[in-house]
C-alpha cells in the first residue's frame, strides 16, 4: 500500500515538474514571439516610412515638372500675345505722337 501511495506522490511530483517546465517553456516562447513580432513591426514601419518618403519625393518631382512645363507654356503664350500686339502698339504710338505734335488749329 505504501508503495502505491509513494508511486502516486511521485507521479504527482512528476506532473508538477512537467507542468512547471511547460509553463517556463510557454513563457519563453511567448517572450520570443513578442520580440519577433516587435522586430517585424519595426521593420514594417521602416519599410512603410521609406516607401512613403519615396512616393512623396516622386509626387514632388512630378508636381515641379508640371509647374515648370505650365510656366513655360504661359511664358510662350505671353510672348506670342505681345508679339501679335506690337503692330497695334506701334500704330497707337504714332497716333499719340501725331496728336501731341499737332496744334489746336490743325485738329
N, C-alpha and C. Protein backbone atom coordinates (compact mmCIF):
# COMPACT_ATOMS: atom_id res chain seq x y z
N UNK A 1 0.81 -1.18 0.00
CA UNK A 1 0.00 0.00 0.00
C UNK A 1 0.86 1.25 0.00
N UNK A 2 1.91 1.25 0.82
CA UNK A 2 2.84 2.39 0.88
C UNK A 2 3.48 2.62 -0.47
N UNK A 3 3.76 1.54 -1.16
CA UNK A 3 4.37 1.67 -2.48
C UNK A 3 3.43 2.38 -3.45
N UNK A 4 2.15 2.09 -3.36
CA UNK A 4 1.15 2.72 -4.22
C UNK A 4 1.08 4.21 -3.90
N UNK A 5 1.03 4.53 -2.62
CA UNK A 5 0.97 5.94 -2.19
C UNK A 5 2.24 6.66 -2.65
N UNK A 6 3.39 6.04 -2.44
CA UNK A 6 4.65 6.64 -2.87
C UNK A 6 4.67 6.83 -4.39
N UNK A 7 4.13 5.87 -5.09
CA UNK A 7 4.06 5.93 -6.55
C UNK A 7 3.16 7.08 -6.98
N UNK A 8 2.04 7.25 -6.32
CA UNK A 8 1.10 8.34 -6.64
C UNK A 8 1.74 9.68 -6.34
N UNK A 9 2.40 9.78 -5.20
CA UNK A 9 3.07 11.04 -4.83
C UNK A 9 4.18 11.35 -5.83
N UNK A 10 4.91 10.35 -6.23
CA UNK A 10 5.97 10.55 -7.21
C UNK A 10 5.38 10.99 -8.55
N UNK A 11 4.26 10.37 -8.94
CA UNK A 11 3.60 10.74 -10.19
C UNK A 11 3.09 12.18 -10.13
N UNK A 12 2.52 12.56 -8.95
CA UNK A 12 2.05 13.94 -8.79
C UNK A 12 3.22 14.92 -8.87
N UNK A 13 4.32 14.57 -8.24
CA UNK A 13 5.51 15.44 -8.27
C UNK A 13 6.04 15.55 -9.71
N UNK A 14 6.05 14.46 -10.41
CA UNK A 14 6.49 14.45 -11.81
C UNK A 14 5.56 15.32 -12.65
N UNK A 15 4.26 15.22 -12.39
CA UNK A 15 3.29 16.03 -13.12
C UNK A 15 3.51 17.52 -12.83
N UNK A 16 3.74 17.85 -11.56
CA UNK A 16 4.02 19.25 -11.20
C UNK A 16 5.29 19.75 -11.89
N UNK A 17 6.31 18.91 -11.89
CA UNK A 17 7.57 19.29 -12.55
C UNK A 17 7.36 19.53 -14.05
N UNK A 18 6.62 18.62 -14.68
CA UNK A 18 6.36 18.77 -16.11
C UNK A 18 5.52 20.02 -16.39
N UNK A 19 4.54 20.25 -15.52
CA UNK A 19 3.70 21.43 -15.68
C UNK A 19 4.53 22.71 -15.51
N UNK A 20 5.40 22.71 -14.53
CA UNK A 20 6.28 23.86 -14.29
C UNK A 20 7.20 24.08 -15.49
N UNK A 21 7.76 22.99 -15.99
CA UNK A 21 8.64 23.06 -17.18
C UNK A 21 7.86 23.56 -18.38
N UNK A 22 6.66 23.07 -18.58
CA UNK A 22 5.84 23.51 -19.72
C UNK A 22 5.49 24.98 -19.58
N UNK A 23 5.23 25.43 -18.37
CA UNK A 23 4.92 26.83 -18.14
C UNK A 23 6.12 27.71 -18.46
N UNK A 24 7.32 27.29 -18.04
CA UNK A 24 8.55 28.04 -18.37
C UNK A 24 8.77 28.08 -19.88
N UNK A 25 8.56 26.92 -20.51
CA UNK A 25 8.73 26.86 -21.97
C UNK A 25 7.72 27.78 -22.67
N UNK A 26 6.49 27.76 -22.20
CA UNK A 26 5.46 28.61 -22.80
C UNK A 26 5.82 30.09 -22.63
N UNK A 27 6.33 30.43 -21.46
CA UNK A 27 6.74 31.83 -21.21
C UNK A 27 7.89 32.21 -22.13
N UNK A 28 8.84 31.31 -22.31
CA UNK A 28 9.97 31.58 -23.21
C UNK A 28 9.49 31.75 -24.65
N UNK A 29 8.57 30.91 -25.07
CA UNK A 29 8.01 31.02 -26.42
C UNK A 29 7.27 32.35 -26.57
N UNK A 30 6.51 32.73 -25.54
CA UNK A 30 5.77 33.99 -25.57
C UNK A 30 6.73 35.17 -25.68
N UNK A 31 7.78 35.17 -24.88
CA UNK A 31 8.76 36.26 -24.91
C UNK A 31 9.42 36.35 -26.29
N UNK A 32 9.79 35.20 -26.84
CA UNK A 32 10.41 35.19 -28.17
C UNK A 32 9.44 35.67 -29.23
N UNK A 33 8.20 35.24 -29.15
CA UNK A 33 7.18 35.66 -30.12
C UNK A 33 6.95 37.17 -30.04
N UNK A 34 6.91 37.70 -28.83
CA UNK A 34 6.73 39.15 -28.67
C UNK A 34 7.93 39.91 -29.25
N UNK A 35 9.13 39.40 -29.00
CA UNK A 35 10.33 40.05 -29.55
C UNK A 35 10.33 39.98 -31.07
N UNK A 36 9.99 38.81 -31.61
CA UNK A 36 9.94 38.64 -33.06
C UNK A 36 8.89 39.56 -33.68
N UNK A 37 7.72 39.60 -33.06
CA UNK A 37 6.66 40.45 -33.63
C UNK A 37 7.03 41.92 -33.51
N UNK A 38 7.69 42.29 -32.44
CA UNK A 38 8.13 43.68 -32.29
C UNK A 38 9.15 44.03 -33.37
N UNK A 39 10.05 43.12 -33.64
CA UNK A 39 11.05 43.36 -34.70
C UNK A 39 10.37 43.45 -36.06
N UNK A 40 9.41 42.58 -36.31
CA UNK A 40 8.68 42.62 -37.59
C UNK A 40 7.90 43.93 -37.74
N UNK A 41 7.28 44.36 -36.68
CA UNK A 41 6.53 45.62 -36.72
C UNK A 41 7.47 46.78 -36.98
N UNK A 42 8.62 46.76 -36.33
CA UNK A 42 9.60 47.82 -36.53
C UNK A 42 10.09 47.84 -37.98
N UNK A 43 10.38 46.68 -38.53
CA UNK A 43 10.81 46.60 -39.93
C UNK A 43 9.71 47.08 -40.87
N UNK A 44 8.48 46.70 -40.58
CA UNK A 44 7.35 47.13 -41.42
C UNK A 44 7.19 48.64 -41.37
N UNK A 45 7.36 49.24 -40.19
CA UNK A 45 7.27 50.69 -40.07
C UNK A 45 8.38 51.37 -40.87
N UNK A 46 9.58 50.83 -40.79
CA UNK A 46 10.70 51.40 -41.54
C UNK A 46 10.45 51.31 -43.04
N UNK A 47 9.98 50.16 -43.49
CA UNK A 47 9.69 50.00 -44.92
C UNK A 47 8.58 50.94 -45.36
N UNK A 48 7.53 51.05 -44.54
CA UNK A 48 6.41 51.93 -44.87
C UNK A 48 6.88 53.38 -44.92
N UNK A 49 7.72 53.76 -43.97
CA UNK A 49 8.25 55.12 -43.94
C UNK A 49 9.10 55.41 -45.18
N UNK A 50 9.94 54.46 -45.55
CA UNK A 50 10.77 54.63 -46.73
C UNK A 50 9.93 54.71 -48.00
N UNK A 51 8.90 53.88 -48.08
CA UNK A 51 8.01 53.89 -49.25
C UNK A 51 7.24 55.21 -49.32
N UNK A 52 6.77 55.68 -48.18
CA UNK A 52 6.06 56.95 -48.14
C UNK A 52 6.98 58.09 -48.58
N UNK A 53 8.19 58.08 -48.09
CA UNK A 53 9.17 59.12 -48.46
C UNK A 53 9.44 59.07 -49.96
N UNK A 54 9.58 57.87 -50.50
CA UNK A 54 9.84 57.72 -51.93
C UNK A 54 8.67 58.26 -52.76
N UNK A 55 7.45 57.93 -52.34
CA UNK A 55 6.26 58.38 -53.07
C UNK A 55 6.09 59.90 -52.98
N UNK A 56 6.36 60.46 -51.82
CA UNK A 56 6.25 61.92 -51.66
C UNK A 56 7.28 62.60 -52.55
N UNK A 57 8.49 62.10 -52.58
CA UNK A 57 9.54 62.68 -53.43
C UNK A 57 9.15 62.57 -54.91
N UNK A 58 8.61 61.44 -55.31
CA UNK A 58 8.16 61.25 -56.69
C UNK A 58 7.05 62.24 -57.03
N UNK A 59 6.09 62.39 -56.14
CA UNK A 59 4.99 63.34 -56.37
C UNK A 59 5.52 64.77 -56.44
N UNK A 60 6.48 65.10 -55.58
CA UNK A 60 7.07 66.44 -55.59
C UNK A 60 7.77 66.71 -56.92
N UNK A 61 8.54 65.74 -57.39
CA UNK A 61 9.24 65.91 -58.68
C UNK A 61 8.24 66.07 -59.83
N UNK A 62 7.18 65.26 -59.80
CA UNK A 62 6.16 65.38 -60.85
C UNK A 62 5.50 66.75 -60.82
N UNK A 63 5.13 67.19 -59.62
CA UNK A 63 4.47 68.49 -59.49
C UNK A 63 5.40 69.61 -59.95
N UNK A 64 6.66 69.51 -59.60
CA UNK A 64 7.63 70.52 -60.02
C UNK A 64 7.77 70.53 -61.54
N UNK A 65 7.82 69.36 -62.14
CA UNK A 65 7.90 69.27 -63.60
C UNK A 65 6.67 69.85 -64.27
N UNK A 66 5.50 69.54 -63.74
CA UNK A 66 4.26 70.08 -64.29
C UNK A 66 4.21 71.60 -64.14
N UNK A 67 4.69 72.10 -63.00
CA UNK A 67 4.71 73.54 -62.78
C UNK A 67 5.63 74.22 -63.80
N UNK A 68 6.83 73.67 -63.98
CA UNK A 68 7.76 74.27 -64.93
C UNK A 68 7.22 74.23 -66.35
N UNK A 69 6.59 73.13 -66.70
CA UNK A 69 6.01 73.00 -68.04
C UNK A 69 4.89 74.02 -68.23
N UNK A 70 4.04 74.17 -67.23
CA UNK A 70 2.94 75.14 -67.31
C UNK A 70 3.49 76.56 -67.39
N UNK A 71 4.50 76.85 -66.61
CA UNK A 71 5.10 78.19 -66.62
C UNK A 71 5.69 78.50 -67.99
N UNK A 72 6.39 77.55 -68.58
CA UNK A 72 6.96 77.76 -69.91
C UNK A 72 5.86 77.99 -70.94
N UNK A 73 4.78 77.24 -70.84
CA UNK A 73 3.65 77.41 -71.77
C UNK A 73 3.06 78.81 -71.64
N UNK A 74 2.84 79.26 -70.41
CA UNK A 74 2.29 80.60 -70.19
C UNK A 74 3.24 81.66 -70.71
N UNK A 75 4.54 81.50 -70.47
CA UNK A 75 5.52 82.47 -70.96
C UNK A 75 5.53 82.53 -72.48
N UNK A 76 5.45 81.37 -73.14
CA UNK A 76 5.40 81.35 -74.61
C UNK A 76 4.14 82.04 -75.12
N UNK A 77 3.01 81.77 -74.46
CA UNK A 77 1.75 82.40 -74.86
C UNK A 77 1.80 83.91 -74.67
N UNK A 78 2.41 84.36 -73.56
CA UNK A 78 2.52 85.79 -73.30
C UNK A 78 3.42 86.45 -74.35
N UNK A 79 4.53 85.81 -74.69
CA UNK A 79 5.42 86.34 -75.72
C UNK A 79 4.69 86.43 -77.06
N UNK A 80 3.92 85.42 -77.40
CA UNK A 80 3.17 85.43 -78.66
C UNK A 80 2.13 86.55 -78.65
N UNK A 81 1.47 86.76 -77.51
CA UNK A 81 0.48 87.83 -77.40
C UNK A 81 1.14 89.19 -77.58
N UNK A 82 2.27 89.40 -76.88
CA UNK A 82 2.97 90.68 -77.02
C UNK A 82 3.43 90.90 -78.45
N UNK A 83 3.92 89.85 -79.08
CA UNK A 83 4.38 89.97 -80.47
C UNK A 83 3.21 90.31 -81.39
N UNK A 84 2.05 89.70 -81.15
CA UNK A 84 0.89 89.98 -82.01
C UNK A 84 0.34 91.38 -81.78
N UNK A 85 0.55 91.94 -80.58
CA UNK A 85 0.05 93.28 -80.28
C UNK A 85 1.04 94.38 -80.64
N UNK A 86 2.26 94.02 -80.96
CA UNK A 86 3.29 95.03 -81.24
C UNK A 86 2.89 95.97 -82.38
N UNK A 87 2.35 95.49 -83.51
CA UNK A 87 1.95 96.44 -84.56
C UNK A 87 0.88 97.43 -84.06
N UNK A 88 -0.04 96.97 -83.25
CA UNK A 88 -1.07 97.86 -82.72
C UNK A 88 -0.45 98.91 -81.81
N UNK A 89 0.50 98.50 -80.96
CA UNK A 89 1.18 99.43 -80.06
C UNK A 89 1.94 100.49 -80.87
N UNK A 90 2.62 100.04 -81.92
CA UNK A 90 3.36 100.97 -82.77
C UNK A 90 2.40 101.97 -83.42
N UNK A 91 1.31 101.49 -83.94
CA UNK A 91 0.31 102.38 -84.58
C UNK A 91 -0.26 103.36 -83.57
N UNK A 92 -0.59 102.89 -82.35
CA UNK A 92 -1.10 103.80 -81.32
C UNK A 92 -0.06 104.82 -80.91
N UNK A 93 1.18 104.42 -80.85
CA UNK A 93 2.26 105.35 -80.51
C UNK A 93 2.39 106.43 -81.58
N UNK A 94 2.28 106.04 -82.86
CA UNK A 94 2.35 107.02 -83.95
C UNK A 94 1.19 108.00 -83.85
N UNK A 95 -0.02 107.49 -83.58
CA UNK A 95 -1.19 108.36 -83.46
C UNK A 95 -1.03 109.30 -82.27
N UNK A 96 -0.52 108.79 -81.16
CA UNK A 96 -0.31 109.64 -79.99
C UNK A 96 0.73 110.71 -80.28
N UNK A 97 1.79 110.35 -80.99
CA UNK A 97 2.82 111.32 -81.34
C UNK A 97 2.25 112.38 -82.26
N UNK A 98 1.46 111.98 -83.26
CA UNK A 98 0.84 112.94 -84.17
C UNK A 98 -0.08 113.88 -83.40
N UNK A 99 -0.86 113.29 -82.49
CA UNK A 99 -1.79 114.11 -81.72
C UNK A 99 -1.05 115.09 -80.83
N UNK A 100 0.05 114.68 -80.27
CA UNK A 100 0.82 115.56 -79.39
C UNK A 100 1.52 116.65 -80.19
N UNK A 101 1.86 116.40 -81.44
CA UNK A 101 2.61 117.34 -82.23
C UNK A 101 1.71 118.31 -83.04
N UNK A 102 0.45 118.02 -83.13
CA UNK A 102 -0.43 118.93 -83.88
C UNK A 102 -0.94 120.03 -82.98
N UNK A 103 -1.20 121.14 -83.57
CA UNK A 103 -1.72 122.28 -82.80
C UNK A 103 -3.23 122.14 -82.71
N UNK A 104 -3.83 123.03 -81.93
CA UNK A 104 -5.28 123.03 -81.77
C UNK A 104 -5.96 123.37 -83.09
N UNK A 105 -5.36 124.22 -83.84
CA UNK A 105 -5.96 124.64 -85.11
C UNK A 105 -5.88 123.53 -86.15
N UNK A 106 -4.84 122.70 -86.09
CA UNK A 106 -4.68 121.62 -87.05
C UNK A 106 -5.69 120.49 -86.78
N UNK A 107 -6.23 120.46 -85.64
CA UNK A 107 -7.16 119.38 -85.29
C UNK A 107 -8.48 119.74 -85.78
